[in-house]
Amino acid sequence: MIKNNRKIILYLPKIFINLIKYKLCLVNKRKIVAAINDFLNNVIRSKEELYGAVEGFW
């Protein structure tokens, strides 16, 4: 996905930091879900784009 959309790189640090905090029990699951949803809402604009990304991956 990064090849097609460089905007993804901006969200990776936020997601990884929250995942590390979650593993250390510093944040709850809702914060992780919110970070991932924020990423998906801002990077993927339509269902077709999401399905295309999944299909391209496999």
N, C-alpha and C. Protein backbone atom coordinates (compact mmCIF):
# COMPACT_ATOMS: atom_id res chain seq x y z
N MET A 1 0.81 -1.20 0.00
CA MET A 1 0.00 0.00 0.00
C MET A 1 0.86 1.26 0.00
N ILE A 2 2.03 1.19 0.61
CA ILE A 2 2.88 2.38 0.68
C ILE A 2 3.36 2.80 -0.71
N LYS A 3 3.55 1.83 -1.61
CA LYS A 3 3.97 2.16 -2.97
C LYS A 3 2.94 3.05 -3.66
N ASN A 4 1.66 2.78 -3.43
CA ASN A 4 0.58 3.51 -4.10
C ASN A 4 0.18 4.79 -3.37
N ASN A 5 0.39 4.84 -2.06
CA ASN A 5 -0.06 5.99 -1.29
C ASN A 5 0.96 6.31 -0.20
N ARG A 6 1.77 7.31 -0.43
CA ARG A 6 2.83 7.70 0.52
C ARG A 6 2.27 8.30 1.81
N LYS A 7 1.01 8.68 1.80
CA LYS A 7 0.37 9.28 2.97
C LYS A 7 0.34 8.31 4.16
N ILE A 8 0.43 7.03 3.87
CA ILE A 8 0.38 5.99 4.92
C ILE A 8 1.54 6.14 5.89
N ILE A 9 2.68 6.55 5.40
CA ILE A 9 3.88 6.66 6.24
C ILE A 9 3.65 7.60 7.43
N LEU A 10 2.81 8.59 7.26
CA LEU A 10 2.54 9.54 8.34
C LEU A 10 1.80 8.90 9.51
N TYR A 11 1.04 7.85 9.25
CA TYR A 11 0.23 7.22 10.29
C TYR A 11 0.94 6.06 10.99
N LEU A 12 1.98 5.53 10.41
CA LEU A 12 2.66 4.37 10.99
C LEU A 12 3.24 4.62 12.38
N PRO A 13 3.93 5.73 12.63
CA PRO A 13 4.46 5.94 13.98
C PRO A 13 3.36 5.97 15.04
N LYS A 14 2.26 6.64 14.76
CA LYS A 14 1.16 6.73 15.72
C LYS A 14 0.60 5.34 16.03
N ILE A 15 0.42 4.52 14.99
CA ILE A 15 -0.13 3.18 15.19
C ILE A 15 0.84 2.31 15.99
N PHE A 16 2.12 2.34 15.62
CA PHE A 16 3.11 1.51 16.32
C PHE A 16 3.31 1.94 17.77
N ILE A 17 3.33 3.23 18.02
CA ILE A 17 3.47 3.70 19.40
C ILE A 17 2.29 3.25 20.24
N ASN A 18 1.08 3.35 19.69
CA ASN A 18 -0.10 2.90 20.44
C ASN A 18 -0.09 1.39 20.64
N LEU A 19 0.40 0.63 19.67
CA LEU A 19 0.50 -0.82 19.85
C LEU A 19 1.48 -1.18 20.96
N ILE A 20 2.61 -0.49 21.02
CA ILE A 20 3.58 -0.73 22.08
C ILE A 20 2.98 -0.38 23.44
N LYS A 21 2.30 0.75 23.51
CA LYS A 21 1.64 1.14 24.77
C LYS A 21 0.59 0.12 25.17
N TYR A 22 -0.13 -0.43 24.19
CA TYR A 22 -1.15 -1.43 24.48
C TYR A 22 -0.50 -2.69 25.06
N LYS A 23 0.59 -3.13 24.47
CA LYS A 23 1.30 -4.32 24.96
C LYS A 23 1.85 -4.10 26.37
N LEU A 24 2.18 -2.86 26.70
CA LEU A 24 2.67 -2.53 28.04
C LEU A 24 1.53 -2.20 29.00
N CYS A 25 0.30 -2.35 28.54
CA CYS A 25 -0.91 -2.08 29.33
C CYS A 25 -1.02 -0.62 29.76
N LEU A 26 -0.57 0.28 28.91
CA LEU A 26 -0.67 1.71 29.20
C LEU A 26 -1.89 2.35 28.56
N VAL A 27 -2.44 1.74 27.52
CA VAL A 27 -3.67 2.24 26.90
C VAL A 27 -4.62 1.07 26.71
N ASN A 28 -5.90 1.40 26.55
CA ASN A 28 -6.89 0.35 26.36
C ASN A 28 -7.11 0.07 24.87
N LYS A 29 -7.89 -0.93 24.61
CA LYS A 29 -8.14 -1.37 23.24
C LYS A 29 -8.86 -0.31 22.42
N ARG A 30 -9.69 0.49 23.05
CA ARG A 30 -10.45 1.52 22.33
C ARG A 30 -9.52 2.55 21.67
N LYS A 31 -8.43 2.88 22.33
CA LYS A 31 -7.48 3.84 21.77
C LYS A 31 -6.80 3.25 20.53
N ILE A 32 -6.49 1.97 20.56
CA ILE A 32 -5.89 1.29 19.40
C ILE A 32 -6.87 1.30 18.24
N VAL A 33 -8.11 0.94 18.52
CA VAL A 33 -9.14 0.90 17.48
C VAL A 33 -9.34 2.30 16.90
N ALA A 34 -9.33 3.31 17.73
CA ALA A 34 -9.49 4.69 17.25
C ALA A 34 -8.34 5.10 16.34
N ALA A 35 -7.11 4.72 16.68
CA ALA A 35 -5.95 5.06 15.86
C ALA A 35 -6.03 4.37 14.50
N ILE A 36 -6.43 3.12 14.48
CA ILE A 36 -6.53 2.38 13.22
C ILE A 36 -7.69 2.91 12.38
N ASN A 37 -8.81 3.22 13.02
CA ASN A 37 -9.94 3.80 12.28
C ASN A 37 -9.60 5.16 11.70
N ASP A 38 -8.85 5.96 12.43
CA ASP A 38 -8.41 7.26 11.92
C ASP A 38 -7.55 7.07 10.68
N PHE A 39 -6.65 6.10 10.74
CA PHE A 39 -5.81 5.77 9.59
C PHE A 39 -6.66 5.35 8.40
N LEU A 40 -7.58 4.43 8.61
CA LEU A 40 -8.40 3.93 7.51
C LEU A 40 -9.30 5.01 6.92
N ASN A 41 -9.87 5.85 7.76
CA ASN A 41 -10.75 6.91 7.27
C ASN A 41 -10.00 7.96 6.44
N ASN A 42 -8.76 8.21 6.78
CA ASN A 42 -8.00 9.25 6.08
C ASN A 42 -7.23 8.74 4.87
N VAL A 43 -6.88 7.47 4.85
CA VAL A 43 -6.05 6.95 3.77
C VAL A 43 -6.88 6.26 2.70
N ILE A 44 -7.85 5.48 3.11
CA ILE A 44 -8.67 4.73 2.15
C ILE A 44 -9.99 5.46 1.98
N ARG A 45 -10.26 5.86 0.75
CA ARG A 45 -11.41 6.71 0.48
C ARG A 45 -12.69 5.96 0.12
N SER A 46 -12.57 4.70 -0.33
CA SER A 46 -13.78 3.98 -0.73
C SER A 46 -13.58 2.48 -0.53
N LYS A 47 -14.69 1.76 -0.56
CA LYS A 47 -14.62 0.30 -0.43
C LYS A 47 -13.84 -0.32 -1.58
N GLU A 48 -14.02 0.24 -2.76
CA GLU A 48 -13.33 -0.30 -3.93
C GLU A 48 -11.81 -0.17 -3.77
N GLU A 49 -11.38 0.94 -3.21
CA GLU A 49 -9.95 1.13 -2.99
C GLU A 49 -9.42 0.13 -1.97
N LEU A 50 -10.21 -0.13 -0.92
CA LEU A 50 -9.82 -1.12 0.08
C LEU A 50 -9.76 -2.51 -0.53
N TYR A 51 -10.79 -2.88 -1.28
CA TYR A 51 -10.79 -4.20 -1.91
C TYR A 51 -9.64 -4.35 -2.91
N GLY A 52 -9.34 -3.28 -3.64
CA GLY A 52 -8.22 -3.30 -4.56
C GLY A 52 -6.89 -3.49 -3.85
N ALA A 53 -6.74 -2.86 -2.70
CA ALA A 53 -5.50 -2.99 -1.93
C ALA A 53 -5.35 -4.43 -1.40
N VAL A 54 -6.43 -4.99 -0.92
CA VAL A 54 -6.39 -6.38 -0.42
C VAL A 54 -6.09 -7.34 -1.56
N GLU A 55 -6.77 -7.14 -2.67
CA GLU A 55 -6.55 -8.01 -3.84
C GLU A 55 -5.12 -7.88 -4.36
N GLY A 56 -4.60 -6.67 -4.37
CA GLY A 56 -3.22 -6.47 -4.82
C GLY A 56 -2.23 -7.12 -3.89
N PHE A 57 -2.54 -7.14 -2.59
CA PHE A 57 -1.67 -7.78 -1.63
C PHE A 57 -1.60 -9.28 -1.85
N TRP A 58 -2.74 -9.91 -2.07
CA TRP A 58 -2.77 -11.36 -2.26
C TRP A 58 -2.48 -11.73 -3.68
